[in-house]
C-alpha cells in the first residue's frame, strides 16, 4: 500500500514539475494530495482493520496526505492559483458610464 501511494504521489508530481510553471506546482500538488487523502479514506472505509492495529493504517495515510496538502496550499501563492483558474487571454468589456 505504501508503494502504491508513493507512486500515486511521485509520478504526477514529477509530471507537474516538467509541464507547469513553477509557481503552479504547489497548488496542483496540494490538490493532488487532497485527492489522494480522499482515496485513502475510501479505501480505509472499504477495508476494515481493527482499531488497535500497531502498524500504519490507511487512516494514517489519509491524515498525512491532508497535512502535507495543507502545507503545500499554505506555501503556495494563492494569486498564482487564481491566475491559473481564470481566463487570461479574453478581452474584458469596457465599463459603461
N, C-alpha and C. Protein backbone atom coordinates (compact mmCIF):
# COMPACT_ATOMS: atom_id res chain seq x y z
N UNK A 1 0.83 -1.19 0.00
CA UNK A 1 0.00 0.00 0.00
C UNK A 1 0.88 1.25 0.00
N UNK A 2 2.00 1.20 0.72
CA UNK A 2 2.92 2.33 0.75
C UNK A 2 3.47 2.60 -0.64
N UNK A 3 3.81 1.55 -1.35
CA UNK A 3 4.34 1.69 -2.70
C UNK A 3 3.31 2.29 -3.64
N UNK A 4 2.07 1.87 -3.53
CA UNK A 4 1.01 2.40 -4.38
C UNK A 4 0.83 3.89 -4.16
N UNK A 5 0.72 4.32 -2.91
CA UNK A 5 0.54 5.75 -2.64
C UNK A 5 1.80 6.55 -2.98
N UNK A 6 2.97 5.93 -2.87
CA UNK A 6 4.20 6.62 -3.26
C UNK A 6 4.20 6.89 -4.76
N UNK A 7 3.80 5.90 -5.53
CA UNK A 7 3.73 6.08 -6.98
C UNK A 7 2.65 7.09 -7.37
N UNK A 8 1.51 7.03 -6.67
CA UNK A 8 0.43 7.98 -6.97
C UNK A 8 0.82 9.41 -6.62
N UNK A 9 1.77 9.58 -5.75
CA UNK A 9 2.24 10.92 -5.39
C UNK A 9 3.40 11.36 -6.26
N UNK A 10 4.36 10.49 -6.47
CA UNK A 10 5.59 10.87 -7.15
C UNK A 10 5.40 11.10 -8.64
N UNK A 11 4.70 10.22 -9.32
CA UNK A 11 4.58 10.36 -10.77
C UNK A 11 3.87 11.64 -11.19
N UNK A 12 2.70 11.97 -10.63
CA UNK A 12 2.09 13.25 -11.03
C UNK A 12 2.91 14.47 -10.59
N UNK A 13 3.62 14.36 -9.48
CA UNK A 13 4.44 15.48 -9.03
C UNK A 13 5.59 15.74 -10.00
N UNK A 14 6.21 14.69 -10.49
CA UNK A 14 7.30 14.84 -11.45
C UNK A 14 6.76 15.41 -12.76
N UNK A 15 5.61 14.91 -13.20
CA UNK A 15 5.00 15.46 -14.41
C UNK A 15 4.63 16.92 -14.24
N UNK A 16 4.12 17.29 -13.08
CA UNK A 16 3.75 18.69 -12.83
C UNK A 16 4.97 19.59 -12.85
N UNK A 17 6.10 19.10 -12.34
CA UNK A 17 7.32 19.91 -12.36
C UNK A 17 7.78 20.22 -13.77
N UNK A 18 7.58 19.29 -14.69
CA UNK A 18 8.04 19.47 -16.06
C UNK A 18 7.01 20.17 -16.94
N UNK A 19 5.74 20.08 -16.62
CA UNK A 19 4.71 20.59 -17.51
C UNK A 19 4.14 21.94 -17.09
N UNK A 20 4.22 22.30 -15.82
CA UNK A 20 3.60 23.52 -15.33
C UNK A 20 4.64 24.58 -15.01
N UNK A 21 4.16 25.81 -14.91
CA UNK A 21 5.03 26.88 -14.46
C UNK A 21 5.40 26.61 -13.00
N UNK A 22 6.57 27.04 -12.56
CA UNK A 22 6.99 26.74 -11.19
C UNK A 22 6.05 27.26 -10.11
N UNK A 23 5.40 28.39 -10.35
CA UNK A 23 4.52 28.92 -9.32
C UNK A 23 3.21 28.16 -9.20
N UNK A 24 2.90 27.28 -10.15
CA UNK A 24 1.67 26.50 -10.11
C UNK A 24 1.86 25.10 -9.54
N UNK A 25 3.11 24.71 -9.29
CA UNK A 25 3.38 23.34 -8.85
C UNK A 25 2.79 23.08 -7.46
N UNK A 26 2.96 23.99 -6.51
CA UNK A 26 2.45 23.75 -5.16
C UNK A 26 0.92 23.70 -5.10
N UNK A 27 0.18 24.59 -5.77
CA UNK A 27 -1.28 24.43 -5.74
C UNK A 27 -1.75 23.12 -6.37
N UNK A 28 -1.13 22.71 -7.45
CA UNK A 28 -1.50 21.45 -8.10
C UNK A 28 -1.13 20.27 -7.20
N UNK A 29 0.02 20.33 -6.56
CA UNK A 29 0.45 19.27 -5.64
C UNK A 29 -0.49 19.19 -4.44
N UNK A 30 -0.96 20.33 -3.97
CA UNK A 30 -1.90 20.36 -2.86
C UNK A 30 -3.21 19.66 -3.23
N UNK A 31 -3.73 19.98 -4.40
CA UNK A 31 -4.97 19.34 -4.86
C UNK A 31 -4.75 17.84 -5.03
N UNK A 32 -3.62 17.46 -5.57
CA UNK A 32 -3.30 16.04 -5.74
C UNK A 32 -3.29 15.31 -4.40
N UNK A 33 -2.72 15.92 -3.39
CA UNK A 33 -2.66 15.28 -2.07
C UNK A 33 -4.04 15.19 -1.42
N UNK A 34 -4.89 16.18 -1.63
CA UNK A 34 -6.25 16.10 -1.10
C UNK A 34 -7.04 14.98 -1.79
N UNK A 35 -6.81 14.80 -3.08
CA UNK A 35 -7.47 13.70 -3.80
C UNK A 35 -6.97 12.37 -3.28
N UNK A 36 -5.67 12.25 -3.04
CA UNK A 36 -5.13 11.00 -2.51
C UNK A 36 -5.63 10.74 -1.09
N UNK A 37 -5.81 11.79 -0.31
CA UNK A 37 -6.37 11.62 1.04
C UNK A 37 -7.79 11.08 0.94
N UNK A 38 -8.56 11.59 0.01
CA UNK A 38 -9.93 11.09 -0.18
C UNK A 38 -9.92 9.63 -0.62
N UNK A 39 -9.00 9.26 -1.50
CA UNK A 39 -8.88 7.86 -1.92
C UNK A 39 -8.48 6.96 -0.75
N UNK A 40 -7.59 7.45 0.10
CA UNK A 40 -7.18 6.66 1.27
C UNK A 40 -8.34 6.48 2.24
N UNK A 41 -9.17 7.50 2.40
CA UNK A 41 -10.34 7.38 3.28
C UNK A 41 -11.33 6.37 2.72
N UNK A 42 -11.57 6.43 1.41
CA UNK A 42 -12.48 5.46 0.79
C UNK A 42 -11.95 4.05 0.95
N UNK A 43 -10.65 3.86 0.72
CA UNK A 43 -10.06 2.53 0.87
C UNK A 43 -10.11 2.07 2.33
N UNK A 44 -9.90 2.99 3.27
CA UNK A 44 -9.96 2.63 4.69
C UNK A 44 -11.37 2.24 5.11
N UNK A 45 -12.37 2.87 4.53
CA UNK A 45 -13.76 2.51 4.85
C UNK A 45 -14.12 1.15 4.27
N UNK A 46 -13.55 0.83 3.10
CA UNK A 46 -13.86 -0.45 2.46
C UNK A 46 -13.11 -1.61 3.11
N UNK A 47 -11.88 -1.35 3.53
CA UNK A 47 -11.05 -2.38 4.17
C UNK A 47 -11.12 -2.15 5.67
N UNK A 48 -11.81 -3.01 6.37
CA UNK A 48 -11.98 -2.84 7.81
C UNK A 48 -10.81 -3.49 8.54
N UNK A 49 -10.04 -2.67 9.24
CA UNK A 49 -8.92 -3.13 10.05
C UNK A 49 -9.23 -2.77 11.49
N UNK A 50 -8.86 -3.64 12.41
CA UNK A 50 -9.16 -3.38 13.81
C UNK A 50 -8.53 -2.07 14.28
N UNK A 51 -9.17 -1.43 15.23
CA UNK A 51 -8.72 -0.12 15.71
C UNK A 51 -7.44 -0.19 16.54
N UNK A 52 -7.08 -1.35 17.02
CA UNK A 52 -5.89 -1.45 17.85
C UNK A 52 -4.67 -1.92 17.05
N UNK A 53 -4.70 -1.71 15.75
CA UNK A 53 -3.56 -2.10 14.92
C UNK A 53 -2.35 -1.24 15.27
N UNK A 54 -1.21 -1.87 15.41
CA UNK A 54 0.01 -1.16 15.76
C UNK A 54 0.75 -0.66 14.52
N UNK A 55 0.40 -1.16 13.36
CA UNK A 55 1.05 -0.74 12.14
C UNK A 55 0.40 0.53 11.60
N UNK A 56 1.01 1.07 10.57
CA UNK A 56 0.44 2.24 9.91
C UNK A 56 -0.78 1.80 9.12
N UNK A 57 -1.88 2.52 9.30
CA UNK A 57 -3.13 2.17 8.60
C UNK A 57 -3.41 3.18 7.50
N UNK A 58 -4.46 2.92 6.75
CA UNK A 58 -4.86 3.84 5.69
C UNK A 58 -5.34 5.18 6.25
N UNK A 59 -5.86 5.15 7.48
CA UNK A 59 -6.26 6.40 8.11
C UNK A 59 -5.04 7.29 8.37
N UNK A 60 -3.91 6.67 8.69
CA UNK A 60 -2.68 7.43 8.88
C UNK A 60 -2.23 8.07 7.57
N UNK A 61 -2.36 7.32 6.47
CA UNK A 61 -2.04 7.88 5.16
C UNK A 61 -2.94 9.06 4.84
N UNK A 62 -4.22 8.92 5.10
CA UNK A 62 -5.17 10.00 4.80
C UNK A 62 -4.82 11.25 5.61
N UNK A 63 -4.49 11.08 6.87
CA UNK A 63 -4.09 12.22 7.68
C UNK A 63 -2.80 12.86 7.21
N UNK A 64 -1.84 12.04 6.83
CA UNK A 64 -0.57 12.56 6.32
C UNK A 64 -0.74 13.31 5.02
N UNK A 65 -1.53 12.76 4.10
CA UNK A 65 -1.78 13.45 2.83
C UNK A 65 -2.49 14.77 3.06
N UNK A 66 -3.44 14.80 3.98
CA UNK A 66 -4.16 16.03 4.27
C UNK A 66 -3.23 17.08 4.87
N UNK A 67 -2.39 16.66 5.80
CA UNK A 67 -1.45 17.58 6.43
C UNK A 67 -0.48 18.17 5.42
N UNK A 68 0.09 17.33 4.57
CA UNK A 68 1.05 17.80 3.59
C UNK A 68 0.34 18.65 2.52
N UNK A 69 -0.89 18.27 2.17
CA UNK A 69 -1.65 19.08 1.22
C UNK A 69 -1.95 20.46 1.76
N UNK A 70 -2.27 20.55 3.05
CA UNK A 70 -2.50 21.87 3.67
C UNK A 70 -1.21 22.69 3.69
N UNK A 71 -0.09 22.04 3.97
CA UNK A 71 1.19 22.75 3.98
C UNK A 71 1.54 23.26 2.58
N UNK A 72 1.30 22.45 1.55
CA UNK A 72 1.57 22.89 0.18
C UNK A 72 0.66 24.05 -0.20
N UNK A 73 -0.58 24.01 0.26
CA UNK A 73 -1.51 25.11 -0.03
C UNK A 73 -1.08 26.39 0.68
N UNK A 74 -0.55 26.28 1.88
CA UNK A 74 -0.11 27.45 2.63
C UNK A 74 1.15 28.06 1.99
N UNK A 75 2.08 27.22 1.57
CA UNK A 75 3.32 27.72 0.99
C UNK A 75 3.15 28.19 -0.45
N UNK A 76 2.15 27.68 -1.14
CA UNK A 76 1.88 28.13 -2.50
C UNK A 76 1.24 29.51 -2.48
N UNK A 77 1.44 30.26 -3.53
CA UNK A 77 0.88 31.60 -3.59
C UNK A 77 -0.53 31.55 -4.16
N UNK A 78 -1.52 32.04 -3.44
CA UNK A 78 -2.90 31.96 -3.93
C UNK A 78 -3.15 32.79 -5.17
N UNK A 79 -2.38 33.85 -5.38
CA UNK A 79 -2.55 34.66 -6.58
C UNK A 79 -2.25 33.85 -7.83
N UNK A 80 -1.23 33.01 -7.76
CA UNK A 80 -0.87 32.20 -8.92
C UNK A 80 -1.93 31.16 -9.21
N UNK A 81 -2.49 30.58 -8.17
CA UNK A 81 -3.56 29.60 -8.37
C UNK A 81 -4.80 30.27 -8.95
N UNK A 82 -5.09 31.50 -8.52
CA UNK A 82 -6.24 32.23 -9.07
C UNK A 82 -6.01 32.56 -10.54
N UNK A 83 -4.78 32.91 -10.91
CA UNK A 83 -4.48 33.16 -12.31
C UNK A 83 -4.63 31.91 -13.16
N UNK A 84 -4.30 30.78 -12.57
CA UNK A 84 -4.43 29.51 -13.29
C UNK A 84 -5.90 29.20 -13.58
N UNK A 85 -6.80 29.59 -12.69
CA UNK A 85 -8.21 29.26 -12.83
C UNK A 85 -9.00 30.28 -13.65
N UNK A 86 -8.45 31.44 -13.89
CA UNK A 86 -9.17 32.46 -14.66
C UNK A 86 -8.67 32.48 -16.10
N UNK A 87 -9.48 33.02 -16.95
CA UNK A 87 -9.09 33.15 -18.36
C UNK A 87 -8.20 34.37 -18.51
N UNK A 88 -7.05 34.19 -19.13
CA UNK A 88 -6.09 35.28 -19.24
C UNK A 88 -6.15 36.00 -20.58
N UNK A 89 -6.53 35.33 -21.64
CA UNK A 89 -6.46 35.94 -22.96
C UNK A 89 -7.72 36.65 -23.40
N UNK A 90 -8.79 36.53 -22.67
CA UNK A 90 -10.04 37.11 -23.14
C UNK A 90 -10.09 38.61 -22.83
N UNK A 91 -10.50 39.39 -23.81
CA UNK A 91 -10.61 40.83 -23.56
C UNK A 91 -11.82 41.12 -22.68
N UNK A 92 -11.66 42.09 -21.82
CA UNK A 92 -12.74 42.46 -20.92
C UNK A 92 -13.55 43.60 -21.56
N UNK A 93 -14.82 43.59 -21.29
CA UNK A 93 -15.67 44.64 -21.81
C UNK A 93 -15.41 45.94 -21.05
N UNK A 94 -15.45 47.04 -21.80
CA UNK A 94 -15.22 48.33 -21.18
C UNK A 94 -16.41 48.67 -20.30
N UNK A 95 -16.16 49.27 -19.13
CA UNK A 95 -17.28 49.61 -18.24
C UNK A 95 -18.17 50.70 -18.87
N UNK A 96 -19.45 50.56 -18.65
CA UNK A 96 -20.42 51.54 -19.15
C UNK A 96 -20.44 52.74 -18.23
N UNK A 97 -20.49 53.99 -18.78
CA UNK A 97 -20.50 55.18 -17.91
C UNK A 97 -21.83 55.37 -17.23
